[in-house]
């Protein structure tokens, strides 16, 4: 369907208005008219036009002043203005440009010229409006992304407030996971999903009671049963959120083991998502290098030995080799 453009014709001379109407009628435009500068401003404010054809020589408020007032109105500042005038001197044109005019048409007006100019200006204006809308969409999208990000960080801070052992752990493992994932060949467009998954890896612990989550010593068998529900709880919490649909692998699967002895589903080998296999190594790495109420942090070499010893059982051997190689390289 052809778009109808709203054109405001401003001229105190009835013959000039009739002439422009005759030239532009039949082209699918909605033509409106004003006989003075004051009337032009009122009609433009009531219904912003797509184009204004503006006469200069009018009693009272002339076209230059109308143009200046239009340009200081935020809703009308970008409306294209074409000055129609019998003045053809350099100073008049310079004054019109300074007032904010986009183009000039000299009277007497040629019908073919005015139709061609109007068509071109309206096309450019539609394109400019489209770009502006796209910019608005991009800004809105970024604001939404920022809001999501702040929400995720808020969840992690809430969990950290309950479980002091995880404080800063989430940030460290998130940065490292994204780095290793890139080296492992995960596509750049998927790294943000990996980052979110790593950030939220323990979000399911929100469902674990405080007396278990914050227990200073080893858990009993029955307490471990409850603790091991947190990956499924993470899945249940995050699954309904469409924005996080591609970030579920790490929260749901990071306690699965290469040999199939992990939880919650006992996945084995390549059935475990790659991002979760990567995270499993990094999660253990960071945990063992950190102090816990029930043990002191291990030394770096001891942690490396532990991870290497568990390659092929707990950890994916290929991922283990890649990770240890990265950890051995100088920064």
Protein backbone atom coordinates (compact mmCIF):
# COMPACT_ATOMS: atom_id res chain seq x y z
CA UNK A 1 0.00 0.00 0.00
CA UNK A 2 1.38 3.41 -1.03
CA UNK A 3 2.21 5.69 1.88
CA UNK A 4 0.24 8.96 1.96
CA UNK A 5 2.38 11.98 2.77
CA UNK A 6 1.06 14.97 4.65
CA UNK A 7 2.11 18.23 2.94
CA UNK A 8 1.46 21.66 4.44
CA UNK A 9 1.34 24.49 1.86
CA UNK A 10 1.86 27.94 3.39
CA UNK A 11 1.10 31.03 1.27
CA UNK A 12 -1.00 34.12 1.86
CA UNK A 13 -1.88 34.31 -1.86
CA UNK A 14 -4.91 32.20 -2.80
CA UNK A 15 -3.80 31.92 -6.44
CA UNK A 16 -0.43 30.50 -5.37
CA UNK A 17 -2.13 27.98 -3.08
CA UNK A 18 -4.49 26.94 -5.90
CA UNK A 19 -1.56 26.56 -8.31
CA UNK A 20 0.37 24.28 -5.95
CA UNK A 21 -2.77 22.28 -5.23
CA UNK A 22 -3.34 21.72 -8.96
CA UNK A 23 0.27 20.66 -9.48
CA UNK A 24 0.31 18.16 -6.59
CA UNK A 25 -3.26 16.80 -6.72
CA UNK A 26 -3.48 13.22 -7.93
CA UNK A 27 -0.07 12.18 -6.57
CA UNK A 28 -1.53 10.57 -3.45
CA UNK A 29 -0.59 13.34 -1.00
CA UNK A 30 -2.75 14.77 1.77
CA UNK A 31 -2.59 18.50 1.08
CA UNK A 32 -3.30 21.05 3.81
CA UNK A 33 -3.12 24.83 3.63
CA UNK A 34 -2.25 27.82 5.78
CA UNK A 35 -2.68 31.49 4.82
CA UNK A 36 -0.23 32.97 7.34
CA UNK A 37 2.83 32.17 9.38
CA UNK A 38 0.80 32.00 12.58
CA UNK A 39 -1.69 29.57 11.04
CA UNK A 40 1.17 27.48 9.64
CA UNK A 41 2.74 27.04 13.09
CA UNK A 42 -0.60 26.13 14.65
CA UNK A 43 -1.39 23.49 12.01
CA UNK A 44 2.15 22.08 12.09
CA UNK A 45 1.97 21.66 15.87
CA UNK A 46 -1.49 20.08 15.72
CA UNK A 47 -0.37 17.56 13.09
CA UNK A 48 3.32 17.50 12.15
CA UNK A 49 3.63 17.39 8.36
CA UNK A 50 5.99 15.29 6.25
CA UNK A 51 6.87 18.36 4.16
CA UNK A 52 6.23 22.11 4.31
CA UNK A 53 6.11 24.29 1.18
CA UNK A 54 6.66 27.76 2.65
CA UNK A 55 6.23 31.15 1.03
CA UNK A 56 8.60 33.89 2.20
CA UNK A 57 6.76 37.15 1.56
CA UNK A 58 3.79 37.08 3.90
CA UNK A 59 2.37 39.88 6.09
CA UNK A 60 3.05 39.64 9.79
CA UNK A 61 5.28 36.61 10.36
CA UNK A 62 7.27 36.01 7.16
CA UNK A 63 8.60 32.66 5.96
CA UNK A 64 12.06 33.16 7.47
CA UNK A 65 10.61 33.61 10.96
CA UNK A 66 8.26 30.64 10.50
CA UNK A 67 11.23 28.51 9.50
CA UNK A 68 13.23 29.59 12.57
CA UNK A 69 10.34 28.83 14.92
CA UNK A 70 9.80 25.41 13.37
CA UNK A 71 13.45 24.52 13.85
CA UNK A 72 13.40 25.20 17.61
CA UNK A 73 10.41 22.92 18.16
CA UNK A 74 11.67 19.42 19.00
CA UNK A 75 8.72 17.76 17.27
CA UNK A 76 9.08 19.83 14.09
CA UNK A 77 12.83 20.45 13.90
CA UNK A 78 13.44 17.71 11.34
CA UNK A 79 10.44 18.36 9.07
CA UNK A 80 11.72 19.17 5.54
CA UNK A 81 11.01 22.79 4.54
CA UNK A 82 11.06 23.96 0.93
CA UNK A 83 10.88 27.72 0.50
CA UNK A 84 8.84 28.94 -2.44
CA UNK A 85 9.82 32.49 -3.34
CA UNK A 86 10.17 35.02 -6.09
CA UNK A 87 13.39 36.15 -4.44
CA UNK A 88 16.37 34.72 -6.31
CA UNK A 89 19.25 36.66 -4.80
CA UNK A 90 22.16 35.12 -2.91
CA UNK A 91 21.44 36.93 0.38
CA UNK A 92 17.83 35.65 0.52
CA UNK A 93 18.94 32.09 -0.09
CA UNK A 94 21.67 32.38 2.55
CA UNK A 95 19.17 33.76 5.04
CA UNK A 96 16.80 30.87 4.26
CA UNK A 97 19.55 28.31 4.82
CA UNK A 98 20.47 29.95 8.13
CA UNK A 99 16.82 29.85 9.15
CA UNK A 100 16.74 26.10 8.51
CA UNK A 101 15.34 25.65 4.99
CA UNK A 102 16.21 22.46 3.14
CA UNK A 103 15.56 23.61 -0.42
CA UNK A 104 14.33 26.51 -2.59
CA UNK A 105 11.94 26.69 -5.51
CA UNK A 106 11.75 29.96 -7.42
CA UNK A 107 8.45 31.37 -8.57
CA UNK A 108 6.85 31.08 -11.07
CA UNK A 109 6.87 27.40 -10.15
CA UNK A 110 7.30 24.77 -12.86
CA UNK A 111 4.92 21.81 -12.40
CA UNK A 112 7.43 19.11 -13.38
CA UNK A 113 10.08 20.62 -11.10
CA UNK A 114 7.86 20.86 -8.03
CA UNK A 115 6.60 17.30 -8.46
CA UNK A 116 10.14 15.95 -8.86
CA UNK A 117 11.46 17.92 -5.86
CA UNK A 118 8.57 16.86 -3.64
CA UNK A 119 8.99 13.20 -4.62
CA UNK A 120 12.74 13.28 -3.90
CA UNK A 121 12.44 15.11 -0.58
CA UNK A 122 9.66 12.83 0.71
CA UNK A 123 11.65 9.75 -0.28
CA UNK A 124 14.72 11.06 1.58
CA UNK A 125 12.59 11.97 4.57
CA UNK A 126 11.08 8.47 4.75
CA UNK A 127 14.56 6.96 4.57
CA UNK A 128 15.78 9.28 7.33
CA UNK A 129 12.78 8.40 9.50
CA UNK A 130 13.46 4.71 8.93
CA UNK A 131 17.06 5.13 10.05
CA UNK A 132 15.87 7.05 13.08
CA UNK A 133 13.43 4.26 13.95
CA UNK A 134 16.20 1.70 13.59
CA UNK A 135 18.38 3.75 15.92
CA UNK A 136 15.54 3.88 18.43
CA UNK A 137 15.10 0.12 18.17
CA UNK A 138 18.83 -0.39 18.73
CA UNK A 139 18.77 1.91 21.75
CA UNK A 140 15.73 0.14 23.17
CA UNK A 141 17.37 -3.23 22.57
CA UNK A 142 20.53 -2.13 24.35
CA UNK A 143 18.50 -0.80 27.27
CA UNK A 144 16.70 -4.13 27.47
CA UNK A 145 20.01 -6.02 27.31
CA UNK A 146 21.42 -3.82 30.07
CA UNK A 147 18.33 -4.45 32.18
CA UNK A 148 18.70 -8.21 31.69
CA UNK A 149 22.37 -8.00 32.62
CA UNK A 150 21.66 -6.07 35.80
CA UNK A 151 18.99 -8.60 36.71
CA UNK A 152 21.43 -11.48 36.27
CA UNK A 153 24.06 -9.74 38.35
CA UNK A 154 21.44 -9.02 41.00
CA UNK A 155 20.61 -12.73 41.19
CA UNK A 156 24.28 -13.59 41.59
CA UNK A 157 24.74 -10.95 44.30
CA UNK A 158 21.71 -12.34 46.12
CA UNK A 159 23.25 -15.82 46.03
CA UNK A 160 26.63 -14.49 47.15
CA UNK A 161 24.92 -12.86 50.13
CA UNK A 162 23.66 -16.30 51.19
CA UNK A 163 26.76 -18.33 50.36
CA UNK A 164 29.98 -16.50 51.18
CA UNK A 165 32.01 -19.31 49.62
CA UNK A 166 30.78 -18.27 46.18
CA UNK A 167 31.68 -14.60 46.63
CA UNK A 168 33.78 -13.50 43.60
CA UNK A 169 33.88 -17.16 42.49
CA UNK A 170 31.17 -16.53 39.90
CA UNK A 171 33.04 -13.60 38.40
CA UNK A 172 36.34 -15.47 38.18
CA UNK A 173 34.94 -18.61 36.60
CA UNK A 174 32.82 -16.59 34.18
CA UNK A 175 35.80 -14.73 32.75
CA UNK A 176 37.90 -17.88 32.50
CA UNK A 177 35.11 -19.95 30.97
CA UNK A 178 34.55 -17.46 28.17
CA UNK A 179 38.27 -17.42 27.41
CA UNK A 180 38.59 -21.20 27.29
CA UNK A 181 35.36 -21.54 25.29
CA UNK A 182 36.78 -19.24 22.63
CA UNK A 183 39.94 -21.34 22.43
CA UNK A 184 37.84 -24.50 22.25
CA UNK A 185 36.18 -23.22 19.07
CA UNK A 186 32.81 -22.08 20.38
CA UNK A 187 31.53 -19.48 17.93
CA UNK A 188 31.79 -15.82 18.88
CA UNK A 189 28.02 -15.38 18.59
CA UNK A 190 27.53 -18.11 21.22
CA UNK A 191 30.06 -16.81 23.74
CA UNK A 192 27.58 -14.44 25.36
CA UNK A 193 25.27 -17.39 26.10
CA UNK A 194 28.25 -19.22 27.61
CA UNK A 195 29.12 -16.18 29.72
CA UNK A 196 25.58 -15.91 31.08
CA UNK A 197 25.45 -19.62 31.81
CA UNK A 198 28.74 -19.45 33.73
CA UNK A 199 27.58 -16.40 35.68
CA UNK A 200 24.39 -18.22 36.70
CA UNK A 201 25.91 -21.67 37.19
CA UNK A 202 24.92 -21.93 40.85
CA UNK A 203 21.63 -20.02 40.68
CA UNK A 204 19.80 -23.22 41.61
CA UNK A 205 21.33 -23.02 45.09
CA UNK A 206 18.67 -20.43 45.82
CA UNK A 207 16.44 -23.45 46.39
CA UNK A 208 18.87 -25.05 48.88
CA UNK A 209 18.11 -24.36 52.58
CA UNK A 210 20.55 -22.14 54.48
CA UNK A 211 21.47 -24.80 57.02
CA UNK A 212 22.83 -26.91 54.17
CA UNK A 213 24.18 -24.19 51.91
CA UNK A 214 26.07 -22.43 54.71
CA UNK A 215 27.15 -25.50 56.69
CA UNK A 216 30.82 -24.99 57.68
CA UNK A 217 31.74 -28.68 57.46
CA UNK A 218 31.16 -31.67 55.16
CA UNK A 219 27.57 -32.51 54.26
CA UNK A 220 25.82 -35.70 55.31
CA UNK A 221 24.49 -38.15 52.71
CA UNK A 222 20.95 -36.81 53.11
CA UNK A 223 22.19 -33.23 52.84
CA UNK A 224 24.04 -34.10 49.63
CA UNK A 225 20.80 -35.41 48.17
CA UNK A 226 19.30 -31.97 48.64
CA UNK A 227 22.41 -30.12 47.46
CA UNK A 228 22.46 -32.16 44.26
CA UNK A 229 19.03 -30.84 43.34
CA UNK A 230 20.44 -27.40 42.52
CA UNK A 231 21.19 -28.05 38.80
CA UNK A 232 17.59 -29.14 38.22
CA UNK A 233 16.38 -26.16 40.26
CA UNK A 234 18.49 -23.89 38.03
CA UNK A 235 16.88 -25.42 34.95
CA UNK A 236 13.39 -24.90 36.38
CA UNK A 237 14.18 -21.27 37.29
CA UNK A 238 15.79 -20.31 33.97
CA UNK A 239 13.86 -22.38 31.43
CA UNK A 240 10.80 -20.08 31.27
CA UNK A 241 13.03 -17.07 30.47
CA UNK A 242 13.34 -16.95 26.68
CA UNK A 243 16.32 -14.61 26.85
CA UNK A 244 18.28 -17.34 28.67
CA UNK A 245 17.11 -20.30 26.59
CA UNK A 246 20.63 -20.81 25.15
CA UNK A 247 22.37 -20.34 28.49
CA UNK A 248 20.98 -23.39 30.30
CA UNK A 249 23.75 -25.90 29.54
CA UNK A 250 26.19 -24.80 32.24
CA UNK A 251 23.70 -24.31 35.12
CA UNK A 252 22.00 -27.63 34.28
CA UNK A 253 24.98 -29.81 33.32
CA UNK A 254 28.13 -28.58 35.06
CA UNK A 255 28.03 -31.42 37.59
CA UNK A 256 27.81 -34.13 34.94
CA UNK A 257 30.97 -36.26 34.58
CA UNK A 258 32.76 -37.55 31.52
CA UNK A 259 32.37 -41.14 32.78
CA UNK A 260 28.62 -40.75 33.38
CA UNK A 261 28.82 -40.77 37.17
CA UNK A 262 27.68 -37.16 37.58
CA UNK A 263 24.30 -35.58 38.25
CA UNK A 264 21.47 -34.69 37.77
CA UNK A 265 21.00 -36.87 34.64
CA UNK A 266 24.11 -39.05 34.50
CA UNK A 267 25.11 -37.78 31.06
CA UNK A 268 28.28 -39.29 29.63
CA UNK A 269 31.00 -38.15 27.24
CA UNK A 270 29.93 -35.97 24.32
CA UNK A 271 26.32 -36.09 25.51
CA UNK A 272 27.38 -33.40 27.97
CA UNK A 273 27.27 -29.98 26.29
CA UNK A 274 30.75 -28.65 25.48
CA UNK A 275 30.29 -25.47 27.50
CA UNK A 276 29.40 -27.54 30.58
CA UNK A 277 32.45 -29.78 30.05
CA UNK A 278 34.64 -26.69 29.92
CA UNK A 279 33.02 -25.18 32.97
CA UNK A 280 33.37 -28.40 35.00
CA UNK A 281 37.16 -28.15 34.83
CA UNK A 282 37.21 -24.43 35.61
CA UNK A 283 34.75 -24.76 38.51
CA UNK A 284 36.96 -27.36 40.22
CA UNK A 285 40.10 -25.37 39.41
CA UNK A 286 38.80 -22.22 41.08
CA UNK A 287 37.22 -24.04 44.02
CA UNK A 288 40.41 -25.92 44.92
CA UNK A 289 42.52 -22.78 44.65
CA UNK A 290 40.21 -21.02 47.15
CA UNK A 291 39.98 -21.27 50.93
CA UNK A 292 36.95 -23.03 52.34
CA UNK A 293 35.80 -23.20 55.98
CA UNK A 294 36.58 -26.94 56.02
CA UNK A 295 39.95 -26.76 54.18
CA UNK A 296 42.69 -24.40 53.07
CA UNK A 297 43.27 -23.59 49.40
CA UNK A 298 45.42 -26.08 47.54
CA UNK A 299 48.65 -25.07 45.84
CA UNK A 300 48.59 -24.55 42.09
CA UNK A 301 50.68 -27.63 41.27
CA UNK A 302 48.49 -29.86 43.43
CA UNK A 303 45.37 -28.57 41.67
CA UNK A 304 46.95 -29.20 38.24
CA UNK A 305 47.84 -32.75 39.31
CA UNK A 306 44.29 -33.36 40.57
CA UNK A 307 42.72 -32.17 37.32
CA UNK A 308 45.14 -34.21 35.22
CA UNK A 309 44.46 -37.34 37.35
CA UNK A 310 40.71 -36.91 36.76
CA UNK A 311 40.99 -36.44 33.00
CA UNK A 312 38.91 -39.15 31.31
CA UNK A 313 36.81 -39.81 34.40
CA UNK A 314 35.48 -36.52 35.79
CA UNK A 315 36.70 -34.31 32.94
CA UNK A 316 36.70 -34.38 29.15
CA UNK A 317 40.34 -35.29 28.22
CA UNK A 318 40.48 -32.89 25.27
CA UNK A 319 39.11 -30.02 27.32
CA UNK A 320 41.49 -30.88 30.17
CA UNK A 321 44.52 -30.78 27.87
CA UNK A 322 43.44 -27.46 26.37
CA UNK A 323 42.78 -25.93 29.78
CA UNK A 324 46.07 -27.05 31.33
CA UNK A 325 47.96 -25.86 28.27
CA UNK A 326 46.36 -22.42 28.61
CA UNK A 327 47.13 -22.34 32.33
CA UNK A 328 50.78 -23.17 31.67
CA UNK A 329 51.25 -20.38 29.13
CA UNK A 330 52.69 -17.10 30.43
CA UNK A 331 50.17 -14.25 30.68
